[in-house]
Amino acid sequence: MQHQRNIILAVVLCAALLFGWDALVSHFYPPPPTHAKPVAVQPVAASSTAPSKPTRDGGLTDPGDIALEKTDLTAALASPGRVPIAAPGLSGSINPVGAQIDDLTANRHRATVDKNSGPERLFSPAGTPGQQFAQFGWAPASGGTDPNLPTARTVWSAPAGARLTPQTPVTLTWINPVGDVFTTTYAIDNDYMITARQSVTNRAAAPLLARPIAQINRTNRTASVDSFNVHSGPIGAFDQSVTFGIKYKNLDEGAPYSNAGRTDWLGFTDIYWMSALIPDAAAGATTSDFRNLGDTIYLADLMYAPTQVAPGQTFVRTTRLFAGAKESDVLDRYEDAGIPKFGLSIDWGWFRWFEKPIFWLLKSLFHAVGNFGVAIILLTCIVRGIMFPIAQRQFKSMAAMRALQPKMKAIQERHKDDKQKAQQEIMALYKEEKVNPIAGCLPTLLQIPVFFALYKTLNLSIEMRHQPFVLWIKDLSAPDPLHIVNLFGLLPFEPPSFLGIGLLALLLGGTMYVQFKLNPQVGTDPAQQQVMALMPWVMMFVMAPFAAGLLLYWITSNLLTIAQQRFLYSRHPQLKTQAAKG
């Protein structure tokens, strides 16, 4: 009767885990939006409903927003006077209105898995559904307005035929009503860094008082999913410490979020992309904040101290803008060049000291073999090989403990009314036989950070994004696209995530079940055995919505564990006998 109650309870818990996990995964790991083939669209109104759930990639997900973005971009980028940007890492244009950088795409990364989808869009002009842009300007020292300072609507002039490239900086100029000359000179490198050199020359008779500012303006409609283990939202480094704790919903409360300490850099991050402002290292105290402008629009503000420019003098302030992919090597190079903690804008977490070497090895394997899936398999083999001596010790400890079970049961039967006496004799037995009861747990504990580091590395790696493996796996960063329930796409419907069981998920469940059958079951409660027999199939449903690369790692690890178990059983026959009895 007790066993029946245990089984019923286990089934209920498994069902709760299965369906509750579906809701949890749908929140933290929503499926990517479907990208239909381009068709001619009519202008439509922006979606008035709440924003659709974000995805790992980020970007617009509402069909109305996507259609409107296409129309608005065409109109906005056709405006006259735009200055083209052409660099190895970035392409786009500078808007002469406000001297805004509001049109950027990442040349090294496609928008979708389709090879003809074009580069990933990072910045879009103000007023478009996916707006995100950077602006460098001047603010009155005492607030309010000043007709002698440029605004967001000021039209700047650029030389005819100007083109921003790594070899050719571009200077935009505006002269105010009293003759003061304002310039913004943009320069760009081969990756994702744009340098803005702001200057003002006072040609009037009176001193000019102003403060340089820099801003990033964006909507959160294009934000990637913000999960418990990977941050997406406002980010910055202050007093050389990176802050991941600020969320968009914190800014919805109304008041600006003022950042304490010296601002090393600040901006907005997604899982794969980031835009950040890096202040002039020569400047004195700078202040910064994040704020909500309403209608899902947010602002990152960088403000320098007010400056008085005497007649005939020129004042210069330089700020850098990072806008691009969070490629670890690129971020580390910028950190080495003097940007504090810039490499930590990737949310490595507690085990970054271990994750970064694993990440380096994964990339090295990828460059060697040319296939990210094969690189994952090789990495898993290397890690399991390193951990093999630990696993061997674990099996030896299990063998010793299993060998003592008859004696332990005899002691427990002999002193069933005196548990303290039984425990004392069991401890004496351990000492006599030179067996450490926790030796079998220690190897498992040592492996936990290793496998978590692998999981986090694969979860964060933009290098895995849109990387194919073999056959139907075209994107290792996305879930297995083939589902058994809809006959691998033959039936015209998309199953819910908890029923989205693909071939990789089946392999995962099957290999976990084989592992279970190979483990010794002697002394285990029959109800517990039945529950444990269900767990591989429950985990199959739980893991199905995860990225194909993660499932590939897990399946490879399971296969290696099975091979390892068979080898160690050949070395410890008593364990094999006990497994067969189970």
Protein backbone atom coordinates (compact mmCIF):
# COMPACT_ATOMS: atom_id res chain seq x y z
CA MET A 1 0.00 0.00 0.00
CA GLN A 2 2.83 2.36 0.92
CA HIS A 3 4.56 1.54 -2.38
CA GLN A 4 1.35 2.34 -4.31
CA ARG A 5 1.06 5.71 -2.57
CA ASN A 6 4.70 6.46 -3.44
CA ILE A 7 4.10 5.60 -7.08
CA ILE A 8 0.98 7.79 -7.28
CA LEU A 9 2.82 10.67 -5.61
CA ALA A 10 5.74 10.24 -8.01
CA VAL A 11 3.42 10.29 -11.04
CA VAL A 12 1.72 13.46 -9.78
CA LEU A 13 5.08 15.15 -9.17
CA CYS A 14 6.34 14.12 -12.61
CA ALA A 15 3.20 15.55 -14.24
CA ALA A 16 3.59 18.79 -12.29
CA LEU A 17 7.23 18.99 -13.34
CA LEU A 18 6.37 18.29 -16.97
CA PHE A 19 3.59 20.84 -17.38
CA GLY A 20 5.06 23.38 -14.96
CA TRP A 21 8.38 23.17 -16.78
CA ASP A 22 6.63 23.94 -20.06
CA ALA A 23 5.32 27.19 -18.62
CA LEU A 24 8.72 28.04 -17.16
CA VAL A 25 10.59 27.30 -20.38
CA SER A 26 8.03 29.24 -22.43
CA HIS A 27 8.77 32.24 -20.23
CA PHE A 28 12.57 32.03 -20.10
CA TYR A 29 13.27 30.28 -23.42
CA PRO A 30 10.49 31.23 -25.83
CA PRO A 31 10.72 29.87 -29.36
CA PRO A 32 12.19 32.20 -31.98
CA PRO A 33 9.73 34.12 -34.13
CA THR A 34 8.94 32.64 -37.49
CA HIS A 35 10.34 34.67 -40.37
CA ALA A 36 8.05 34.47 -43.35
CA LYS A 37 9.34 35.03 -46.85
CA PRO A 38 9.39 38.76 -47.69
CA VAL A 39 6.18 40.01 -49.28
CA ALA A 40 4.95 43.42 -50.25
CA VAL A 41 3.35 45.07 -47.22
CA GLN A 42 1.05 48.01 -46.73
CA PRO A 43 1.72 50.51 -43.95
CA VAL A 44 0.12 49.30 -40.76
CA ALA A 45 -0.31 50.72 -37.33
CA ALA A 46 2.06 49.65 -34.63
CA SER A 47 0.77 46.95 -32.39
CA SER A 48 -1.31 48.35 -29.56
CA THR A 49 -1.16 45.16 -27.58
CA ALA A 50 1.50 44.28 -25.05
CA PRO A 51 4.85 43.36 -26.58
CA SER A 52 5.22 39.73 -27.60
CA LYS A 53 7.44 37.52 -25.49
CA PRO A 54 11.12 38.14 -26.21
CA THR A 55 13.41 35.52 -27.73
CA ARG A 56 17.06 34.62 -27.17
CA ASP A 57 18.05 36.43 -30.36
CA GLY A 58 16.09 39.57 -29.55
CA GLY A 59 14.38 41.61 -32.23
CA LEU A 60 10.76 42.36 -33.01
CA THR A 61 8.35 39.46 -32.63
CA ASP A 62 4.94 41.06 -33.22
CA PRO A 63 3.89 40.63 -36.90
CA GLY A 64 2.47 44.17 -37.02
CA ASP A 65 5.70 45.64 -35.68
CA ILE A 66 7.79 43.62 -38.14
CA ALA A 67 5.75 44.82 -41.10
CA LEU A 68 5.78 48.43 -39.92
CA GLU A 69 9.52 48.31 -39.26
CA LYS A 70 10.18 47.30 -42.86
CA THR A 71 8.07 50.18 -44.19
CA ASP A 72 9.45 52.78 -41.77
CA LEU A 73 13.06 51.75 -42.37
CA THR A 74 12.67 52.16 -46.11
CA ALA A 75 11.33 55.69 -45.64
CA ALA A 76 13.78 56.75 -42.91
CA LEU A 77 16.91 55.51 -44.67
CA ALA A 78 15.89 57.24 -47.89
CA SER A 79 16.09 60.67 -46.24
CA PRO A 80 18.71 62.96 -47.83
CA GLY A 81 22.12 63.78 -46.40
CA ARG A 82 22.83 60.48 -44.65
CA VAL A 83 26.53 59.66 -44.29
CA PRO A 84 27.30 56.01 -45.18
CA ILE A 85 29.17 53.77 -42.73
CA ALA A 86 31.26 50.99 -44.26
CA ALA A 87 33.56 48.97 -42.00
CA PRO A 88 34.41 45.25 -41.67
CA GLY A 89 32.29 44.90 -38.53
CA LEU A 90 29.51 47.44 -39.10
CA SER A 91 27.55 48.99 -41.94
CA GLY A 92 24.88 51.68 -41.89
CA SER A 93 24.62 55.45 -41.94
CA ILE A 94 24.68 58.61 -39.82
CA ASN A 95 21.56 60.77 -39.71
CA PRO A 96 22.44 64.48 -40.19
CA VAL A 97 19.40 65.34 -38.04
CA GLY A 98 20.85 65.35 -34.54
CA ALA A 99 24.07 63.75 -35.86
CA GLN A 100 22.54 60.48 -34.68
CA ILE A 101 24.01 57.04 -35.30
CA ASP A 102 20.71 55.33 -35.96
CA ASP A 103 21.38 52.82 -38.74
CA LEU A 104 23.77 49.95 -37.96
CA THR A 105 23.96 46.31 -38.99
CA ALA A 106 26.47 43.66 -37.87
CA ASN A 107 28.22 42.41 -40.99
CA ARG A 108 29.56 39.19 -39.43
CA HIS A 109 26.17 37.93 -38.20
CA ARG A 110 23.07 37.03 -40.19
CA ALA A 111 19.57 38.09 -39.12
CA THR A 112 18.26 34.51 -39.37
CA VAL A 113 19.55 31.04 -40.18
CA ASP A 114 18.73 31.72 -43.84
CA LYS A 115 22.03 32.54 -45.57
CA ASN A 116 20.25 35.20 -47.65
CA SER A 117 18.59 36.92 -44.70
CA GLY A 118 21.10 39.78 -44.60
CA PRO A 119 23.07 41.10 -41.62
CA GLU A 120 21.65 41.44 -38.11
CA ARG A 121 20.16 44.90 -37.54
CA LEU A 122 21.41 46.61 -34.38
CA PHE A 123 20.20 50.24 -34.65
CA SER A 124 17.03 51.67 -36.22
CA PRO A 125 15.97 55.33 -36.49
CA ALA A 126 13.71 57.06 -33.98
CA GLY A 127 10.03 56.42 -34.60
CA THR A 128 10.46 52.93 -36.03
CA PRO A 129 9.12 49.99 -33.97
CA GLY A 130 12.66 48.73 -33.35
CA GLN A 131 14.22 52.11 -32.64
CA GLN A 132 17.68 52.15 -31.12
CA PHE A 133 20.24 54.86 -31.71
CA ALA A 134 23.09 56.82 -30.13
CA GLN A 135 23.47 60.57 -29.96
CA PHE A 136 26.29 62.86 -28.85
CA GLY A 137 25.29 66.42 -27.99
CA TRP A 138 25.39 69.38 -25.66
CA ALA A 139 23.07 70.30 -22.80
CA PRO A 140 22.63 73.62 -21.00
CA ALA A 141 24.64 73.62 -17.78
CA SER A 142 21.67 74.78 -15.73
CA GLY A 143 18.95 72.79 -17.49
CA GLY A 144 16.20 74.23 -19.61
CA THR A 145 16.93 75.18 -23.22
CA ASP A 146 19.55 77.29 -24.96
CA PRO A 147 19.14 78.38 -28.62
CA ASN A 148 22.90 78.51 -28.95
CA LEU A 149 23.28 74.76 -28.36
CA PRO A 150 22.42 71.98 -30.85
CA THR A 151 19.41 69.77 -30.15
CA ALA A 152 18.11 66.42 -31.34
CA ARG A 153 16.44 68.23 -34.26
CA THR A 154 19.50 70.21 -35.34
CA VAL A 155 20.57 69.50 -38.92
CA TRP A 156 24.36 69.08 -39.14
CA SER A 157 26.37 69.40 -42.34
CA ALA A 158 28.92 66.91 -43.68
CA PRO A 159 31.42 67.21 -46.53
CA ALA A 160 30.13 66.16 -49.94
CA GLY A 161 30.76 62.47 -50.57
CA ALA A 162 31.69 61.82 -46.92
CA ARG A 163 31.88 58.12 -45.98
CA LEU A 164 32.81 56.75 -42.56
CA THR A 165 35.37 53.94 -42.85
CA PRO A 166 38.30 52.83 -40.68
CA GLN A 167 40.54 54.91 -42.96
CA THR A 168 38.31 57.99 -43.33
CA PRO A 169 36.79 59.73 -40.27
CA VAL A 170 33.85 62.05 -40.88
CA THR A 171 33.27 65.48 -39.32
CA LEU A 172 29.77 66.95 -38.98
CA THR A 173 29.50 70.70 -38.32
CA TRP A 174 26.91 73.13 -37.00
CA ILE A 175 27.32 76.89 -36.42
CA ASN A 176 25.00 78.53 -33.93
CA PRO A 177 23.38 81.99 -34.32
CA VAL A 178 26.28 83.78 -32.60
CA GLY A 179 28.98 82.05 -34.66
CA ASP A 180 30.14 79.32 -32.29
CA VAL A 181 31.32 76.25 -34.22
CA PHE A 182 30.27 72.80 -33.03
CA THR A 183 31.75 69.69 -34.61
CA THR A 184 31.38 65.95 -34.08
CA THR A 185 34.07 63.81 -35.68
CA TYR A 186 33.26 60.13 -35.98
CA ALA A 187 35.88 57.41 -36.42
CA ILE A 188 35.33 53.64 -36.62
CA ASP A 189 37.54 50.60 -36.19
CA ASN A 190 37.41 47.17 -37.84
CA ASP A 191 35.09 45.70 -35.22
CA TYR A 192 32.32 47.47 -33.30
CA MET A 193 33.78 50.65 -31.81
CA ILE A 194 32.85 54.15 -32.96
CA THR A 195 34.68 57.15 -31.49
CA ALA A 196 32.88 60.51 -31.27
CA ARG A 197 35.11 63.58 -30.81
CA GLN A 198 32.90 66.53 -29.83
CA SER A 199 34.34 70.04 -30.00
CA VAL A 200 33.09 73.60 -29.67
CA THR A 201 34.97 76.75 -30.64
CA ASN A 202 33.72 79.92 -28.95
CA ARG A 203 33.71 82.74 -31.53
CA ALA A 204 31.48 85.03 -29.51
CA ALA A 205 32.51 87.79 -27.11
CA ALA A 206 31.06 86.11 -24.00
CA PRO A 207 32.05 82.79 -22.37
CA LEU A 208 30.07 79.72 -23.42
CA LEU A 209 28.83 77.40 -20.67
CA ALA A 210 27.72 73.92 -21.70
CA ARG A 211 28.08 70.25 -20.82
CA PRO A 212 28.77 67.40 -23.28
CA ILE A 213 26.35 64.46 -23.12
CA ALA A 214 26.01 61.08 -24.81
CA GLN A 215 22.89 58.92 -24.94
CA ILE A 216 21.65 55.55 -26.13
CA ASN A 217 17.93 55.43 -26.82
CA ARG A 218 16.19 52.09 -27.36
CA THR A 219 12.93 50.22 -27.13
CA ASN A 220 12.65 47.02 -25.13
CA ARG A 221 10.40 45.55 -27.84
CA THR A 222 13.60 44.24 -29.43
CA ALA A 223 15.17 43.05 -26.17
CA SER A 224 16.22 39.43 -25.80
CA VAL A 225 14.80 37.28 -23.03
CA ASP A 226 16.03 38.12 -19.53
CA SER A 227 16.37 34.85 -17.62
CA PHE A 228 17.56 33.88 -14.16
CA ASN A 229 21.02 32.95 -15.43
CA VAL A 230 21.59 35.31 -18.41
CA HIS A 231 20.96 39.05 -18.06
CA SER A 232 19.30 41.20 -20.71
CA GLY A 233 18.65 44.90 -20.04
CA PRO A 234 20.52 47.93 -18.67
CA ILE A 235 24.16 47.19 -17.91
CA GLY A 236 27.27 49.07 -16.90
CA ALA A 237 30.54 49.05 -15.02
CA PHE A 238 30.85 51.48 -12.13
CA ASP A 239 34.02 51.79 -10.07
CA GLN A 240 35.31 48.77 -12.04
CA SER A 241 32.44 46.51 -11.04
CA VAL A 242 29.94 45.24 -13.62
CA THR A 243 26.27 45.57 -12.69
CA PHE A 244 23.75 43.02 -13.97
CA GLY A 245 20.97 43.76 -11.50
CA ILE A 246 19.10 46.58 -13.26
CA LYS A 247 16.08 45.44 -15.26
CA TYR A 248 13.72 47.27 -17.58
CA LYS A 249 10.89 46.76 -15.10
CA ASN A 250 12.93 48.61 -12.45
CA LEU A 251 12.87 51.69 -14.71
CA ASP A 252 9.12 51.41 -15.21
CA GLU A 253 8.62 52.71 -11.69
CA GLY A 254 9.16 56.23 -13.02
CA ALA A 255 12.21 57.81 -11.41
CA PRO A 256 15.58 57.73 -13.21
CA TYR A 257 18.02 55.12 -11.91
CA SER A 258 21.15 57.07 -11.00
CA ASN A 259 24.36 55.04 -11.07
CA ALA A 260 26.65 55.37 -8.06
CA GLY A 261 30.40 55.68 -8.42
CA ARG A 262 32.57 56.50 -11.41
CA THR A 263 31.00 55.39 -14.69
CA ASP A 264 33.42 53.15 -16.61
CA TRP A 265 30.80 52.37 -19.28
CA LEU A 266 27.05 51.89 -19.54
CA GLY A 267 24.36 50.90 -21.99
CA PHE A 268 21.99 48.07 -22.84
CA THR A 269 22.75 44.41 -23.40
CA ASP A 270 20.99 41.47 -24.96
CA ILE A 271 22.25 37.90 -24.82
CA TYR A 272 24.18 38.30 -28.07
CA TRP A 273 24.31 42.08 -28.68
CA MET A 274 25.25 45.20 -26.74
CA SER A 275 25.37 48.97 -27.12
CA ALA A 276 27.50 50.87 -24.60
CA LEU A 277 28.98 54.32 -24.03
CA ILE A 278 32.55 54.62 -22.79
CA PRO A 279 33.38 58.05 -21.31
CA ASP A 280 36.52 60.06 -21.94
CA ALA A 281 39.22 58.70 -19.63
CA ALA A 282 40.67 62.21 -19.30
CA ALA A 283 37.39 63.69 -18.09
CA GLY A 284 36.82 64.33 -14.42
CA ALA A 285 33.69 63.24 -12.64
CA THR A 286 30.95 61.92 -14.90
CA THR A 287 27.40 61.05 -13.95
CA SER A 288 25.07 58.59 -15.58
CA ASP A 289 21.59 57.18 -15.26
CA PHE A 290 18.99 54.97 -16.89
CA ARG A 291 15.45 56.18 -17.39
CA ASN A 292 12.10 55.23 -18.88
CA LEU A 293 10.79 57.72 -21.46
CA GLY A 294 7.44 55.95 -21.74
CA ASP A 295 5.92 53.80 -24.50
CA THR A 296 8.58 51.07 -24.04
CA ILE A 297 11.44 53.55 -24.74
CA TYR A 298 14.47 53.66 -22.44
CA LEU A 299 17.50 55.91 -22.22
CA ALA A 300 21.08 55.47 -21.02
CA ASP A 301 22.51 58.90 -20.17
CA LEU A 302 26.17 59.85 -19.83
CA MET A 303 26.77 63.41 -18.64
CA TYR A 304 30.08 65.22 -18.26
CA ALA A 305 30.70 68.13 -15.91
CA PRO A 306 29.66 71.59 -17.23
CA THR A 307 32.49 73.39 -19.00
CA GLN A 308 33.08 77.12 -19.55
CA VAL A 309 34.72 77.90 -22.88
CA ALA A 310 36.38 81.32 -23.06
CA PRO A 311 36.11 83.45 -26.23
CA GLY A 312 38.51 82.23 -28.89
CA GLN A 313 39.05 78.88 -27.14
CA THR A 314 38.16 75.34 -28.25
CA PHE A 315 36.96 72.59 -25.94
CA VAL A 316 37.09 68.89 -26.91
CA ARG A 317 35.50 65.83 -25.33
CA THR A 318 35.80 62.28 -26.71
CA THR A 319 33.33 59.45 -26.06
CA ARG A 320 33.28 55.96 -27.54
CA LEU A 321 30.29 53.89 -28.61
CA PHE A 322 30.35 50.11 -28.73
CA ALA A 323 27.56 48.70 -30.86
CA GLY A 324 27.83 45.11 -31.94
CA ALA A 325 28.04 41.43 -31.13
CA LYS A 326 29.34 40.19 -27.80
CA GLU A 327 32.25 38.27 -29.27
CA SER A 328 34.48 37.34 -26.35
CA ASP A 329 37.77 37.94 -28.16
CA VAL A 330 36.69 41.39 -29.33
CA LEU A 331 35.45 42.43 -25.88
CA ASP A 332 38.67 41.20 -24.26
CA ARG A 333 40.75 43.22 -26.74
CA TYR A 334 38.84 46.35 -25.85
CA GLU A 335 39.37 45.61 -22.16
CA ASP A 336 43.10 45.16 -22.77
CA ALA A 337 43.05 48.54 -24.53
CA GLY A 338 41.81 50.23 -21.35
CA ILE A 339 38.04 49.75 -20.96
CA PRO A 340 37.58 48.37 -17.42
CA LYS A 341 35.85 44.97 -17.13
CA PHE A 342 34.53 45.12 -20.68
CA GLY A 343 35.02 41.40 -21.22
CA LEU A 344 32.70 40.74 -18.28
CA SER A 345 29.75 42.26 -20.16
CA ILE A 346 29.19 38.61 -21.09
CA ASP A 347 27.31 37.25 -18.09
CA TRP A 348 29.70 34.38 -17.30
CA GLY A 349 28.51 34.08 -13.71
CA TRP A 350 30.37 32.58 -10.77
CA PHE A 351 32.43 30.05 -12.74
CA ARG A 352 33.93 32.41 -15.33
CA TRP A 353 37.45 31.41 -14.25
CA PHE A 354 36.58 27.94 -15.53
CA GLU A 355 34.13 28.81 -18.31
CA LYS A 356 36.50 31.02 -20.27
CA PRO A 357 39.18 28.29 -20.73
CA ILE A 358 36.42 25.88 -21.82
CA PHE A 359 35.14 28.52 -24.23
CA TRP A 360 38.64 29.03 -25.62
CA LEU A 361 39.01 25.28 -26.14
CA LEU A 362 35.60 25.08 -27.84
CA LYS A 363 36.50 27.85 -30.28
CA SER A 364 39.90 26.28 -30.97
CA LEU A 365 38.23 22.97 -31.78
CA PHE A 366 35.72 24.74 -34.02
CA HIS A 367 38.49 26.48 -35.95
CA ALA A 368 40.29 23.13 -36.30
CA VAL A 369 37.34 21.03 -37.54
CA GLY A 370 35.07 23.69 -39.07
CA ASN A 371 31.84 22.30 -37.57
CA PHE A 372 30.53 23.56 -34.24
CA GLY A 373 28.61 20.35 -33.55
CA VAL A 374 31.73 18.25 -34.01
CA ALA A 375 33.60 20.72 -31.80
CA ILE A 376 30.99 20.20 -29.04
CA ILE A 377 31.41 16.41 -29.33
CA LEU A 378 35.20 16.68 -29.14
CA LEU A 379 35.01 19.07 -26.19
CA THR A 380 32.71 16.67 -24.34
CA CYS A 381 35.11 13.81 -25.02
CA ILE A 382 38.04 15.83 -23.67
CA VAL A 383 36.17 16.86 -20.52
CA ARG A 384 34.92 13.33 -19.86
CA GLY A 385 38.44 12.03 -20.42
CA ILE A 386 39.82 14.44 -17.84
CA MET A 387 37.07 13.45 -15.41
CA PHE A 388 37.56 9.70 -15.98
CA PRO A 389 39.94 9.13 -13.01
CA ILE A 390 37.41 10.83 -10.74
CA ALA A 391 34.61 8.64 -12.09
CA GLN A 392 36.79 5.58 -11.60
CA ARG A 393 37.31 6.46 -7.95
CA GLN A 394 33.55 6.93 -7.60
CA PHE A 395 32.92 3.45 -8.99
CA LYS A 396 35.53 1.93 -6.69
CA SER A 397 33.84 3.58 -3.73
CA MET A 398 30.45 2.28 -4.91
CA ALA A 399 31.92 -1.21 -5.21
CA ALA A 400 33.31 -1.07 -1.68
CA MET A 401 30.03 0.23 -0.26
CA ARG A 402 28.00 -2.42 -2.08
CA ALA A 403 30.31 -5.13 -0.77
CA LEU A 404 29.62 -3.98 2.79
CA GLN A 405 25.82 -3.99 2.41
CA PRO A 406 25.25 -7.51 3.80
CA LYS A 407 27.31 -6.70 6.91
CA MET A 408 25.55 -3.34 7.33
CA LYS A 409 22.13 -4.99 7.10
CA ALA A 410 23.16 -7.55 9.66
CA ILE A 411 24.21 -4.79 12.08
CA GLN A 412 20.94 -2.91 11.50
CA GLU A 413 18.91 -6.09 12.16
CA ARG A 414 20.95 -6.87 15.26
CA HIS A 415 20.44 -3.40 16.72
CA LYS A 416 17.09 -2.45 15.19
CA ASP A 417 15.94 -1.12 18.57
CA ASP A 418 19.13 0.86 19.21
CA LYS A 419 19.89 3.08 16.21
CA GLN A 420 22.76 4.84 17.95
CA LYS A 421 24.51 1.54 18.65
CA ALA A 422 23.91 0.44 15.05
CA GLN A 423 25.42 3.66 13.75
CA GLN A 424 28.48 3.26 15.95
CA GLU A 425 29.11 -0.29 14.70
CA ILE A 426 28.61 0.78 11.07
CA MET A 427 31.18 3.56 11.53
CA ALA A 428 33.56 1.03 13.09
CA LEU A 429 32.96 -1.23 10.09
CA TYR A 430 33.88 1.63 7.73
CA LYS A 431 37.09 2.17 9.65
CA GLU A 432 37.96 -1.52 9.75
CA GLU A 433 37.38 -1.98 5.99
CA LYS A 434 39.03 1.41 5.16
CA VAL A 435 35.93 2.69 3.35
CA ASN A 436 34.94 6.37 3.20
CA PRO A 437 31.13 6.65 2.83
CA ILE A 438 31.30 10.12 1.30
CA ALA A 439 34.04 9.25 -1.21
CA GLY A 440 31.38 8.34 -3.77
CA CYS A 441 29.72 11.75 -3.44
CA LEU A 442 32.85 13.86 -3.75
CA PRO A 443 33.54 13.05 -7.43
CA THR A 444 29.96 13.97 -8.29
CA LEU A 445 30.30 17.28 -6.46
CA LEU A 446 33.51 18.02 -8.34
CA GLN A 447 31.79 17.39 -11.68
CA ILE A 448 28.89 19.78 -11.01
CA PRO A 449 30.82 23.03 -11.70
CA VAL A 450 32.39 21.41 -14.79
CA PHE A 451 29.06 20.56 -16.37
CA PHE A 452 27.46 23.84 -15.32
CA ALA A 453 30.37 25.69 -16.92
CA LEU A 454 29.83 23.74 -20.15
CA TYR A 455 26.12 24.53 -20.06
CA LYS A 456 26.72 28.25 -19.46
CA THR A 457 29.38 28.41 -22.18
CA LEU A 458 27.07 26.90 -24.77
CA ASN A 459 24.21 29.08 -23.57
CA LEU A 460 26.17 32.33 -24.01
CA SER A 461 28.25 31.58 -27.07
CA ILE A 462 27.31 33.79 -30.02
CA GLU A 463 29.76 31.65 -31.97
CA MET A 464 27.19 28.81 -31.80
CA ARG A 465 24.40 31.05 -33.16
CA HIS A 466 23.23 29.91 -36.62
CA GLN A 467 25.92 27.22 -36.77
CA PRO A 468 24.76 24.01 -38.51
CA PHE A 469 25.66 20.48 -37.45
CA VAL A 470 24.46 17.76 -39.86
CA LEU A 471 21.29 16.92 -41.79
CA TRP A 472 18.30 18.75 -40.28
CA ILE A 473 20.22 20.63 -37.57
CA LYS A 474 20.77 24.03 -39.20
CA ASP A 475 21.15 26.08 -36.00
CA LEU A 476 22.74 24.63 -32.87
CA SER A 477 21.59 27.61 -30.79
CA ALA A 478 17.90 26.82 -31.52
CA PRO A 479 15.78 23.82 -30.45
CA ASP A 480 15.59 20.73 -32.64
CA PRO A 481 13.25 21.87 -35.47
CA LEU A 482 11.81 18.41 -36.23
CA HIS A 483 8.97 17.22 -33.99
CA ILE A 484 7.56 13.72 -33.88
CA VAL A 485 4.05 14.91 -32.95
CA ASN A 486 3.55 16.77 -36.25
CA LEU A 487 5.37 14.05 -38.22
CA PHE A 488 8.47 16.21 -38.67
CA GLY A 489 6.57 19.09 -40.19
CA LEU A 490 4.26 17.12 -42.48
CA LEU A 491 1.22 18.09 -40.40
CA PRO A 492 0.47 21.85 -40.54
CA PHE A 493 0.69 22.79 -36.87
CA GLU A 494 3.33 23.70 -34.31
CA PRO A 495 3.10 21.56 -31.16
CA PRO A 496 3.43 23.19 -27.74
CA SER A 497 6.95 23.11 -26.35
CA PHE A 498 6.28 20.26 -23.92
CA LEU A 499 5.21 18.08 -26.87
CA GLY A 500 7.96 19.33 -29.19
CA ILE A 501 9.90 16.08 -28.96
CA GLY A 502 12.54 15.80 -31.67
CA LEU A 503 15.06 13.12 -32.51
CA LEU A 504 17.68 14.70 -30.25
CA ALA A 505 15.27 14.64 -27.29
CA LEU A 506 14.48 10.97 -28.02
CA LEU A 507 18.18 10.14 -28.07
CA LEU A 508 18.61 12.02 -24.79
CA GLY A 509 15.81 10.07 -23.09
CA GLY A 510 17.04 6.77 -24.50
CA THR A 511 20.64 7.24 -23.41
CA MET A 512 19.54 8.37 -19.94
CA TYR A 513 17.37 5.24 -19.63
CA VAL A 514 20.30 3.00 -20.61
CA GLN A 515 22.39 4.76 -17.94
CA PHE A 516 19.67 4.06 -15.40
CA LYS A 517 19.54 0.38 -16.30
CA LEU A 518 23.33 0.10 -15.96
CA ASN A 519 23.35 1.51 -12.42
CA PRO A 520 23.24 -0.93 -9.49
CA GLN A 521 19.77 -1.05 -7.92
CA VAL A 522 20.34 -3.42 -5.00
CA GLY A 523 18.79 -2.17 -1.78
CA THR A 524 16.69 0.46 -3.52
CA ASP A 525 12.99 0.63 -2.68
CA PRO A 526 10.90 -0.84 -5.57
CA ALA A 527 8.79 2.33 -5.73
CA GLN A 528 11.94 4.42 -5.97
CA GLN A 529 13.15 2.21 -8.79
CA GLN A 530 9.92 2.79 -10.71
CA VAL A 531 10.17 6.53 -10.18
CA MET A 532 13.78 6.56 -11.30
CA ALA A 533 12.82 4.57 -14.39
CA LEU A 534 10.40 7.38 -15.32
CA MET A 535 12.91 10.19 -14.86
CA PRO A 536 14.79 9.75 -18.17
CA TRP A 537 11.53 10.21 -20.07
CA VAL A 538 10.50 13.16 -17.93
CA MET A 539 13.89 14.73 -18.63
CA MET A 540 13.32 14.08 -22.34
CA PHE A 541 10.30 16.41 -22.20
CA VAL A 542 12.08 18.91 -19.96
CA MET A 543 15.14 19.22 -22.19
CA ALA A 544 13.36 19.15 -25.57
CA PRO A 545 12.94 22.97 -25.84
CA PHE A 546 16.63 23.63 -25.14
CA ALA A 547 19.17 24.50 -27.82
CA ALA A 548 20.21 21.61 -30.05
CA GLY A 549 23.86 22.24 -29.12
CA LEU A 550 23.08 21.64 -25.44
CA LEU A 551 21.23 18.41 -26.24
CA LEU A 552 24.12 17.29 -28.43
CA TYR A 553 26.52 17.85 -25.53
CA TRP A 554 24.24 15.96 -23.13
CA ILE A 555 23.74 13.00 -25.48
CA THR A 556 27.47 12.74 -26.12
CA SER A 557 28.13 12.88 -22.38
CA ASN A 558 25.55 10.13 -21.79
CA LEU A 559 27.09 7.88 -24.45
CA LEU A 560 30.54 8.36 -22.97
CA THR A 561 29.17 7.63 -19.50
CA ILE A 562 27.61 4.39 -20.78
CA ALA A 563 30.90 3.34 -22.35
CA GLN A 564 32.71 4.31 -19.15
CA GLN A 565 30.26 2.29 -17.04
CA ARG A 566 30.73 -0.80 -19.19
CA PHE A 567 34.50 -0.47 -18.92
CA LEU A 568 34.40 -0.05 -15.15
CA TYR A 569 31.98 -2.93 -14.76
CA SER A 570 34.61 -5.08 -16.45
CA ARG A 571 36.98 -3.91 -13.71
CA HIS A 572 34.43 -4.37 -10.89
CA PRO A 573 32.32 -7.48 -11.66
CA GLN A 574 30.44 -7.24 -8.36
CA LEU A 575 28.80 -4.01 -9.48
CA LYS A 576 27.77 -5.55 -12.78
CA THR A 577 26.16 -8.46 -10.92
CA GLN A 578 24.26 -6.06 -8.66
CA ALA A 579 23.08 -4.01 -11.65
CA ALA A 580 21.76 -7.18 -13.30
CA LYS A 581 19.86 -8.09 -10.13
CA GLY A 582 18.27 -4.61 -10.13
